Amino acid sequence: MARFENSIFIVTGGGSGLGRATSLRLASEGARIGVLDLQLKSAETVAEEINAVAEGHAIALEADVTEADAVESAVAQATTEFGGLHGVVNCAGIALGEGGVVDCTEKAWDTMMNVNVKSIFLTGKYAIPEIVKSGGGSIVNIASVFGFVVNKDECAYAASKGAVVNLTRQMALQHASDKIRVNAVCPADADTPLIDGLIGKTGAELEAEKAELAAPIPMGHLTKPDDVAAAISFLLSSDSEFITGVSLPVDGGFLVQ
């Protein structure tokens, strides 16, 4: 039997980067996936990739994860389509290079907190009752190594990822009796379109900047999306059935220094 046969998950930010890698990984292990993204076309592309291999195992969901009505509707759509819900992976997130508290704008602060933290609150609010109905399950949030250490030029990002770490712990404590485990994965800088956009360069200049970001990582490269997807698969699975409230670094040794 496949690891996630008969399991149903929603992956936010599922249209690209960590969310795309996670959606593909979980589907390859038998799960049915609600690929949720702000950009419907991106979600449709990933759902089509999944369905080309396992027909009927994915649907595309369009939602702004900072809007309660949109999240509630997306959860209802996935639950109705697949007949239940066993977990959520909160991959939706942003980084803006916003600077410190003096330079960061109020708009940048609010945007970061809404996308990186409020979204997890909202998916939990609407998904947890459905997971309870299915007999329990698992939630995995994407935090960051910068939930534990800080970059001096990213006040809102550091605050948001620290909030994700503690929100994960609170949710785990509250919902253990519901047979719902809640954990987080904490990547170092990851090799995704988000990093490419933040750097804002192409070609050799982009690769040089990425090499500079990777320099402090003992294992010598940026976090790969597949590394994160593998950790998420473990935390969703019965292999981690007695693990909850944990924030797991996937960082090539970054935090051990």
C-alpha atoms as a PDB file:
ATOM      1  CA  MET A   1       0.000   0.000   0.000  1.00  0.00           C
ATOM      2  CA  ALA A   2       1.218   3.504  -0.831  1.00  0.00           C
ATOM      3  CA  ARG A   3       2.143   5.636   2.164  1.00  0.00           C
ATOM      4  CA  PHE A   4      -0.802   8.004   1.738  1.00  0.00           C
ATOM      5  CA  GLU A   5      -3.353   5.828  -0.002  1.00  0.00           C
ATOM      6  CA  ASN A   6      -6.833   7.140   0.882  1.00  0.00           C
ATOM      7  CA  SER A   7      -5.351  10.307   2.447  1.00  0.00           C
ATOM      8  CA  ILE A   8      -6.526  13.776   1.456  1.00  0.00           C
ATOM      9  CA  PHE A   9      -4.405  16.905   1.906  1.00  0.00           C
ATOM     10  CA  ILE A  10      -4.575  20.581   1.019  1.00  0.00           C
ATOM     11  CA  VAL A  11      -1.269  22.230   0.124  1.00  0.00           C
ATOM     12  CA  THR A  12      -1.304  26.030   0.202  1.00  0.00           C
ATOM     13  CA  GLY A  13       1.124  27.799  -2.089  1.00  0.00           C
ATOM     14  CA  GLY A  14       0.944  24.579  -4.066  1.00  0.00           C
ATOM     15  CA  GLY A  15       1.516  26.135  -7.464  1.00  0.00           C
ATOM     16  CA  SER A  16       5.264  26.713  -7.169  1.00  0.00           C
ATOM     17  CA  GLY A  17       8.415  26.229  -5.110  1.00  0.00           C
ATOM     18  CA  LEU A  18       8.084  24.261  -1.881  1.00  0.00           C
ATOM     19  CA  GLY A  19       4.330  23.831  -2.371  1.00  0.00           C
ATOM     20  CA  ARG A  20       4.718  22.342  -5.835  1.00  0.00           C
ATOM     21  CA  ALA A  21       7.427  19.919  -4.679  1.00  0.00           C
ATOM     22  CA  THR A  22       5.270  18.907  -1.714  1.00  0.00           C
ATOM     23  CA  SER A  23       2.144  18.393  -3.819  1.00  0.00           C
ATOM     24  CA  LEU A  24       4.027  16.187  -6.270  1.00  0.00           C
ATOM     25  CA  ARG A  25       5.734  14.205  -3.510  1.00  0.00           C
ATOM     26  CA  LEU A  26       2.545  13.479  -1.569  1.00  0.00           C
ATOM     27  CA  ALA A  27       0.644  12.569  -4.728  1.00  0.00           C
ATOM     28  CA  SER A  28       3.436  10.187  -5.744  1.00  0.00           C
ATOM     29  CA  GLU A  29       2.841   8.432  -2.417  1.00  0.00           C
ATOM     30  CA  GLY A  30      -0.859   7.982  -3.100  1.00  0.00           C
ATOM     31  CA  ALA A  31      -2.465  11.100  -1.597  1.00  0.00           C
ATOM     32  CA  ARG A  32      -5.217  13.146  -3.153  1.00  0.00           C
ATOM     33  CA  ILE A  33      -4.252  16.807  -3.180  1.00  0.00           C
ATOM     34  CA  GLY A  34      -6.090  20.100  -3.177  1.00  0.00           C
ATOM     35  CA  VAL A  35      -3.445  22.281  -4.819  1.00  0.00           C
ATOM     36  CA  LEU A  36      -4.262  25.738  -3.479  1.00  0.00           C
ATOM     37  CA  ASP A  37      -2.676  28.883  -4.846  1.00  0.00           C
ATOM     38  CA  LEU A  38      -3.415  32.567  -5.332  1.00  0.00           C
ATOM     39  CA  GLN A  39      -2.637  32.012  -9.023  1.00  0.00           C
ATOM     40  CA  LEU A  40      -5.197  29.541 -10.351  1.00  0.00           C
ATOM     41  CA  LYS A  41      -3.155  28.801 -13.465  1.00  0.00           C
ATOM     42  CA  SER A  42      -0.187  27.699 -11.354  1.00  0.00           C
ATOM     43  CA  ALA A  43      -2.417  25.436  -9.260  1.00  0.00           C
ATOM     44  CA  GLU A  44      -3.972  23.980 -12.428  1.00  0.00           C
ATOM     45  CA  THR A  45      -0.554  23.232 -13.903  1.00  0.00           C
ATOM     46  CA  VAL A  46       0.523  21.262 -10.828  1.00  0.00           C
ATOM     47  CA  ALA A  47      -2.841  19.475 -10.610  1.00  0.00           C
ATOM     48  CA  GLU A  48      -2.480  18.495 -14.263  1.00  0.00           C
ATOM     49  CA  GLU A  49       1.019  17.106 -13.583  1.00  0.00           C
ATOM     50  CA  ILE A  50      -0.399  14.956 -10.804  1.00  0.00           C
ATOM     51  CA  ASN A  51      -3.454  13.797 -12.745  1.00  0.00           C
ATOM     52  CA  ALA A  52      -1.333  12.839 -15.737  1.00  0.00           C
ATOM     53  CA  VAL A  53       0.183  10.130 -13.540  1.00  0.00           C
ATOM     54  CA  ALA A  54      -2.698   9.450 -11.131  1.00  0.00           C
ATOM     55  CA  GLU A  55      -5.992  10.529 -12.642  1.00  0.00           C
ATOM     56  CA  GLY A  56      -8.410  12.168 -10.246  1.00  0.00           C
ATOM     57  CA  HIS A  57      -5.823  12.649  -7.496  1.00  0.00           C
ATOM     58  CA  ALA A  58      -5.651  16.455  -7.619  1.00  0.00           C
ATOM     59  CA  ILE A  59      -7.841  19.508  -7.949  1.00  0.00           C
ATOM     60  CA  ALA A  60      -6.802  23.135  -8.333  1.00  0.00           C
ATOM     61  CA  LEU A  61      -8.070  25.582  -5.728  1.00  0.00           C
ATOM     62  CA  GLU A  62      -7.849  29.354  -6.110  1.00  0.00           C
ATOM     63  CA  ALA A  63      -7.732  31.340  -2.876  1.00  0.00           C
ATOM     64  CA  ASP A  64      -6.118  34.299  -1.198  1.00  0.00           C
ATOM     65  CA  VAL A  65      -4.968  32.656   2.027  1.00  0.00           C
ATOM     66  CA  THR A  66      -5.270  35.953   3.900  1.00  0.00           C
ATOM     67  CA  GLU A  67      -9.045  36.115   3.287  1.00  0.00           C
ATOM     68  CA  ALA A  68     -11.306  34.073   5.567  1.00  0.00           C
ATOM     69  CA  ASP A  69     -14.130  33.566   3.060  1.00  0.00           C
ATOM     70  CA  ALA A  70     -11.713  32.354   0.392  1.00  0.00           C
ATOM     71  CA  VAL A  71     -10.010  29.861   2.703  1.00  0.00           C
ATOM     72  CA  GLU A  72     -13.319  28.556   4.047  1.00  0.00           C
ATOM     73  CA  SER A  73     -14.587  28.062   0.499  1.00  0.00           C
ATOM     74  CA  ALA A  74     -11.425  26.269  -0.632  1.00  0.00           C
ATOM     75  CA  VAL A  75     -11.526  23.881   2.335  1.00  0.00           C
ATOM     76  CA  ALA A  76     -15.187  23.143   1.638  1.00  0.00           C
ATOM     77  CA  GLN A  77     -14.470  22.542  -2.050  1.00  0.00           C
ATOM     78  CA  ALA A  78     -11.658  20.079  -1.361  1.00  0.00           C
ATOM     79  CA  THR A  79     -13.632  18.273   1.328  1.00  0.00           C
ATOM     80  CA  THR A  80     -16.680  17.944  -0.910  1.00  0.00           C
ATOM     81  CA  GLU A  81     -14.668  16.822  -3.928  1.00  0.00           C
ATOM     82  CA  PHE A  82     -12.653  14.160  -2.121  1.00  0.00           C
ATOM     83  CA  GLY A  83     -15.027  13.233   0.700  1.00  0.00           C
ATOM     84  CA  GLY A  84     -12.949  14.317   3.679  1.00  0.00           C
ATOM     85  CA  LEU A  85      -9.692  15.886   4.801  1.00  0.00           C
ATOM     86  CA  HIS A  86      -6.722  14.419   6.665  1.00  0.00           C
ATOM     87  CA  GLY A  87      -4.252  17.273   6.700  1.00  0.00           C
ATOM     88  CA  VAL A  88      -2.959  20.620   5.514  1.00  0.00           C
ATOM     89  CA  VAL A  89       0.506  21.745   4.485  1.00  0.00           C
ATOM     90  CA  ASN A  90       0.910  25.508   4.800  1.00  0.00           C
ATOM     91  CA  CYS A  91       3.525  26.373   2.181  1.00  0.00           C
ATOM     92  CA  ALA A  92       2.135  29.795   1.214  1.00  0.00           C
ATOM     93  CA  GLY A  93       4.597  32.465   2.257  1.00  0.00           C
ATOM     94  CA  ILE A  94       6.552  35.499   1.163  1.00  0.00           C
ATOM     95  CA  ALA A  95       9.815  37.310   1.812  1.00  0.00           C
ATOM     96  CA  LEU A  96      10.204  40.964   0.908  1.00  0.00           C
ATOM     97  CA  GLY A  97      13.663  42.064   2.061  1.00  0.00           C
ATOM     98  CA  GLU A  98      11.840  44.739   4.034  1.00  0.00           C
ATOM     99  CA  GLY A  99      14.704  45.980   6.199  1.00  0.00           C
ATOM    100  CA  GLY A 100      14.728  46.722   9.911  1.00  0.00           C
ATOM    101  CA  VAL A 101      11.991  48.396  11.929  1.00  0.00           C
ATOM    102  CA  VAL A 102      13.059  51.896  10.873  1.00  0.00           C
ATOM    103  CA  ASP A 103      12.984  51.129   7.158  1.00  0.00           C
ATOM    104  CA  CYS A 104      10.155  48.597   6.969  1.00  0.00           C
ATOM    105  CA  THR A 105       6.863  50.098   5.837  1.00  0.00           C
ATOM    106  CA  GLU A 106       3.628  49.409   7.650  1.00  0.00           C
ATOM    107  CA  LYS A 107       2.270  47.868   4.464  1.00  0.00           C
ATOM    108  CA  ALA A 108       5.214  45.473   4.192  1.00  0.00           C
ATOM    109  CA  TRP A 109       4.832  44.485   7.853  1.00  0.00           C
ATOM    110  CA  ASP A 110       1.100  43.812   7.491  1.00  0.00           C
ATOM    111  CA  THR A 111       1.548  41.894   4.244  1.00  0.00           C
ATOM    112  CA  MET A 112       4.210  39.664   5.763  1.00  0.00           C
ATOM    113  CA  MET A 113       2.163  38.892   8.852  1.00  0.00           C
ATOM    114  CA  ASN A 114      -0.987  38.237   6.845  1.00  0.00           C
ATOM    115  CA  VAL A 115       0.592  35.862   4.342  1.00  0.00           C
ATOM    116  CA  ASN A 116       3.027  34.079   6.648  1.00  0.00           C
ATOM    117  CA  VAL A 117       0.993  33.870   9.874  1.00  0.00           C
ATOM    118  CA  LYS A 118      -2.676  34.780   9.421  1.00  0.00           C
ATOM    119  CA  SER A 119      -2.931  32.237   6.605  1.00  0.00           C
ATOM    120  CA  ILE A 120      -2.022  29.432   9.018  1.00  0.00           C
ATOM    121  CA  PHE A 121      -4.592  30.685  11.502  1.00  0.00           C
ATOM    122  CA  LEU A 122      -7.257  30.671   8.784  1.00  0.00           C
ATOM    123  CA  THR A 123      -6.470  27.257   7.329  1.00  0.00           C
ATOM    124  CA  GLY A 124      -6.468  25.818  10.832  1.00  0.00           C
ATOM    125  CA  LYS A 125      -9.748  27.513  11.668  1.00  0.00           C
ATOM    126  CA  TYR A 126     -11.578  25.917   8.752  1.00  0.00           C
ATOM    127  CA  ALA A 127      -9.618  22.720   8.156  1.00  0.00           C
ATOM    128  CA  ILE A 128      -9.325  21.386  11.698  1.00  0.00           C
ATOM    129  CA  PRO A 129     -13.072  20.685  12.108  1.00  0.00           C
ATOM    130  CA  GLU A 130     -12.973  18.701   8.858  1.00  0.00           C
ATOM    131  CA  ILE A 131      -9.870  16.769   9.947  1.00  0.00           C
ATOM    132  CA  VAL A 132     -11.624  15.929  13.212  1.00  0.00           C
ATOM    133  CA  LYS A 133     -14.568  14.550  11.223  1.00  0.00           C
ATOM    134  CA  SER A 134     -12.121  12.318   9.325  1.00  0.00           C
ATOM    135  CA  GLY A 135     -10.798  10.864  12.569  1.00  0.00           C
ATOM    136  CA  GLY A 136      -7.674  12.965  12.964  1.00  0.00           C
ATOM    137  CA  GLY A 137      -4.643  13.775  10.883  1.00  0.00           C
ATOM    138  CA  SER A 138      -1.684  16.086  10.607  1.00  0.00           C
ATOM    139  CA  ILE A 139      -0.808  19.693   9.815  1.00  0.00           C
ATOM    140  CA  VAL A 140       2.631  20.876   8.721  1.00  0.00           C
ATOM    141  CA  ASN A 141       3.560  24.558   8.646  1.00  0.00           C
ATOM    142  CA  ILE A 142       6.520  26.092   6.855  1.00  0.00           C
ATOM    143  CA  ALA A 143       8.534  28.167   9.291  1.00  0.00           C
ATOM    144  CA  SER A 144      12.231  28.937   8.745  1.00  0.00           C
ATOM    145  CA  VAL A 145      15.626  28.819  10.394  1.00  0.00           C
ATOM    146  CA  PHE A 146      14.961  32.542  10.789  1.00  0.00           C
ATOM    147  CA  GLY A 147      12.297  31.648  13.309  1.00  0.00           C
ATOM    148  CA  PHE A 148      15.247  30.812  15.618  1.00  0.00           C
ATOM    149  CA  VAL A 149      17.995  33.179  14.479  1.00  0.00           C
ATOM    150  CA  VAL A 150      17.604  36.515  12.757  1.00  0.00           C
ATOM    151  CA  ASN A 151      18.784  38.444   9.737  1.00  0.00           C
ATOM    152  CA  LYS A 152      19.328  42.072  10.694  1.00  0.00           C
ATOM    153  CA  ASP A 153      17.678  43.299   7.485  1.00  0.00           C
ATOM    154  CA  GLU A 154      14.365  41.403   7.790  1.00  0.00           C
ATOM    155  CA  CYS A 155      12.393  42.409  10.868  1.00  0.00           C
ATOM    156  CA  ALA A 156       8.943  41.349   9.671  1.00  0.00           C
ATOM    157  CA  TYR A 157      10.136  38.068   8.172  1.00  0.00           C
ATOM    158  CA  ALA A 158      11.901  37.085  11.392  1.00  0.00           C
ATOM    159  CA  ALA A 159       8.873  38.060  13.473  1.00  0.00           C
ATOM    160  CA  SER A 160       6.494  36.143  11.207  1.00  0.00           C
ATOM    161  CA  LYS A 161       8.532  32.940  11.201  1.00  0.00           C
ATOM    162  CA  GLY A 162       9.033  33.096  14.962  1.00  0.00           C
ATOM    163  CA  ALA A 163       5.268  33.389  15.224  1.00  0.00           C
ATOM    164  CA  VAL A 164       4.822  30.300  13.047  1.00  0.00           C
ATOM    165  CA  VAL A 165       7.070  28.278  15.388  1.00  0.00           C
ATOM    166  CA  ASN A 166       5.023  29.225  18.450  1.00  0.00           C
ATOM    167  CA  LEU A 167       1.648  28.960  16.720  1.00  0.00           C
ATOM    168  CA  THR A 168       2.651  25.441  15.693  1.00  0.00           C
ATOM    169  CA  ARG A 169       3.349  24.571  19.334  1.00  0.00           C
ATOM    170  CA  GLN A 170       0.036  26.036  20.514  1.00  0.00           C
ATOM    171  CA  MET A 171      -1.980  24.203  17.853  1.00  0.00           C
ATOM    172  CA  ALA A 172      -0.185  20.953  18.662  1.00  0.00           C
ATOM    173  CA  LEU A 173      -0.986  21.264  22.348  1.00  0.00           C
ATOM    174  CA  GLN A 174      -4.617  22.177  21.829  1.00  0.00           C
ATOM    175  CA  HIS A 175      -5.446  19.548  19.225  1.00  0.00           C
ATOM    176  CA  ALA A 176      -3.509  16.518  20.470  1.00  0.00           C
ATOM    177  CA  SER A 177      -6.724  15.259  22.059  1.00  0.00           C
ATOM    178  CA  ASP A 178      -8.394  15.539  18.635  1.00  0.00           C
ATOM    179  CA  LYS A 179      -5.773  13.134  17.214  1.00  0.00           C
ATOM    180  CA  ILE A 180      -4.309  15.960  15.147  1.00  0.00           C
ATOM    181  CA  ARG A 181      -0.547  16.422  15.120  1.00  0.00           C
ATOM    182  CA  VAL A 182       0.898  19.828  14.212  1.00  0.00           C
ATOM    183  CA  ASN A 183       4.542  20.322  13.287  1.00  0.00           C
ATOM    184  CA  ALA A 184       6.677  22.768  11.331  1.00  0.00           C
ATOM    185  CA  VAL A 185       9.544  22.474   8.890  1.00  0.00           C
ATOM    186  CA  CYS A 186      12.279  25.113   9.052  1.00  0.00           C
ATOM    187  CA  PRO A 187      14.305  25.433   5.841  1.00  0.00           C
ATOM    188  CA  ALA A 188      17.375  27.539   5.363  1.00  0.00           C
ATOM    189  CA  ASP A 189      17.264  29.739   2.262  1.00  0.00           C
ATOM    190  CA  ALA A 190      15.653  27.539  -0.383  1.00  0.00           C
ATOM    191  CA  ASP A 191      16.326  27.312  -4.103  1.00  0.00           C
ATOM    192  CA  THR A 192      12.887  28.444  -5.273  1.00  0.00           C
ATOM    193  CA  PRO A 193      11.341  31.089  -7.535  1.00  0.00           C
ATOM    194  CA  LEU A 194      10.740  33.154  -4.368  1.00  0.00           C
ATOM    195  CA  ILE A 195      14.502  33.490  -3.789  1.00  0.00           C
ATOM    196  CA  ASP A 196      15.095  34.195  -7.476  1.00  0.00           C
ATOM    197  CA  GLY A 197      12.552  37.016  -7.382  1.00  0.00           C
ATOM    198  CA  LEU A 198      13.969  38.430  -4.155  1.00  0.00           C
ATOM    199  CA  ILE A 199      17.468  38.519  -5.635  1.00  0.00           C
ATOM    200  CA  GLY A 200      16.142  40.146  -8.797  1.00  0.00           C
ATOM    201  CA  LYS A 201      18.933  39.051 -11.115  1.00  0.00           C
ATOM    202  CA  THR A 202      19.351  36.458 -13.859  1.00  0.00           C
ATOM    203  CA  GLY A 203      22.019  34.221 -15.321  1.00  0.00           C
ATOM    204  CA  ALA A 204      25.493  34.250 -13.825  1.00  0.00           C
ATOM    205  CA  GLU A 205      24.660  37.129 -11.482  1.00  0.00           C
ATOM    206  CA  LEU A 206      21.741  35.174 -10.011  1.00  0.00           C
ATOM    207  CA  GLU A 207      23.873  32.066  -9.517  1.00  0.00           C
ATOM    208  CA  ALA A 208      26.608  34.113  -7.852  1.00  0.00           C
ATOM    209  CA  GLU A 209      24.103  35.602  -5.394  1.00  0.00           C
ATOM    210  CA  LYS A 210      22.698  32.146  -4.641  1.00  0.00           C
ATOM    211  CA  ALA A 211      26.198  30.818  -4.014  1.00  0.00           C
ATOM    212  CA  GLU A 212      26.724  33.649  -1.539  1.00  0.00           C
ATOM    213  CA  LEU A 213      23.491  32.738   0.261  1.00  0.00           C
ATOM    214  CA  ALA A 214      24.599  29.103   0.398  1.00  0.00           C
ATOM    215  CA  ALA A 215      28.054  29.895   1.785  1.00  0.00           C
ATOM    216  CA  PRO A 216      27.020  29.779   5.490  1.00  0.00           C
ATOM    217  CA  ILE A 217      25.341  26.354   5.056  1.00  0.00           C
ATOM    218  CA  PRO A 218      27.782  23.590   6.081  1.00  0.00           C
ATOM    219  CA  MET A 219      26.456  21.118   3.514  1.00  0.00           C
ATOM    220  CA  GLY A 220      27.274  23.619   0.789  1.00  0.00           C
ATOM    221  CA  HIS A 221      24.048  24.370  -1.054  1.00  0.00           C
ATOM    222  CA  LEU A 222      20.657  26.006  -0.645  1.00  0.00           C
ATOM    223  CA  THR A 223      17.774  23.935   0.674  1.00  0.00           C
ATOM    224  CA  LYS A 224      16.238  21.966  -2.179  1.00  0.00           C
ATOM    225  CA  PRO A 225      12.434  21.869  -2.465  1.00  0.00           C
ATOM    226  CA  ASP A 226      12.562  18.060  -2.575  1.00  0.00           C
ATOM    227  CA  ASP A 227      14.404  18.045   0.785  1.00  0.00           C
ATOM    228  CA  VAL A 228      11.545  19.988   2.344  1.00  0.00           C
ATOM    229  CA  ALA A 229       8.911  17.816   0.666  1.00  0.00           C
ATOM    230  CA  ALA A 230      10.571  14.685   2.067  1.00  0.00           C
ATOM    231  CA  ALA A 231      10.512  16.093   5.608  1.00  0.00           C
ATOM    232  CA  ILE A 232       6.871  17.091   5.215  1.00  0.00           C
ATOM    233  CA  SER A 233       5.985  13.615   3.984  1.00  0.00           C
ATOM    234  CA  PHE A 234       7.589  12.129   7.092  1.00  0.00           C
ATOM    235  CA  LEU A 235       5.758  14.509   9.437  1.00  0.00           C
ATOM    236  CA  LEU A 236       2.401  13.793   7.803  1.00  0.00           C
ATOM    237  CA  SER A 237       2.882  10.053   7.899  1.00  0.00           C
ATOM    238  CA  SER A 238       2.371   7.408  10.568  1.00  0.00           C
ATOM    239  CA  ASP A 239       6.167   7.129  10.816  1.00  0.00           C
ATOM    240  CA  SER A 240       5.978  10.260  12.995  1.00  0.00           C
ATOM    241  CA  GLU A 241       2.816   9.281  14.866  1.00  0.00           C
ATOM    242  CA  PHE A 242       4.258  10.292  18.285  1.00  0.00           C
ATOM    243  CA  ILE A 243       5.791  13.579  17.111  1.00  0.00           C
ATOM    244  CA  THR A 244       3.907  16.837  17.562  1.00  0.00           C
ATOM    245  CA  GLY A 245       4.781  20.452  18.298  1.00  0.00           C
ATOM    246  CA  VAL A 246       8.211  20.077  16.690  1.00  0.00           C
ATOM    247  CA  SER A 247       9.898  22.590  14.382  1.00  0.00           C
ATOM    248  CA  LEU A 248      12.279  20.496  12.288  1.00  0.00           C
ATOM    249  CA  PRO A 249      15.248  22.250  10.650  1.00  0.00           C
ATOM    250  CA  VAL A 250      15.914  21.237   7.053  1.00  0.00           C
ATOM    251  CA  ASP A 251      18.954  23.432   6.747  1.00  0.00           C
ATOM    252  CA  GLY A 252      22.119  21.505   5.871  1.00  0.00           C
ATOM    253  CA  GLY A 253      23.519  22.213   9.330  1.00  0.00           C
ATOM    254  CA  PHE A 254      22.941  25.988   9.316  1.00  0.00           C
ATOM    255  CA  LEU A 255      21.634  26.107  12.898  1.00  0.00           C
ATOM    256  CA  VAL A 256      24.357  23.937  14.468  1.00  0.00           C
ATOM    257  CA  GLN A 257      27.024  26.622  14.035  1.00  0.00           C
END
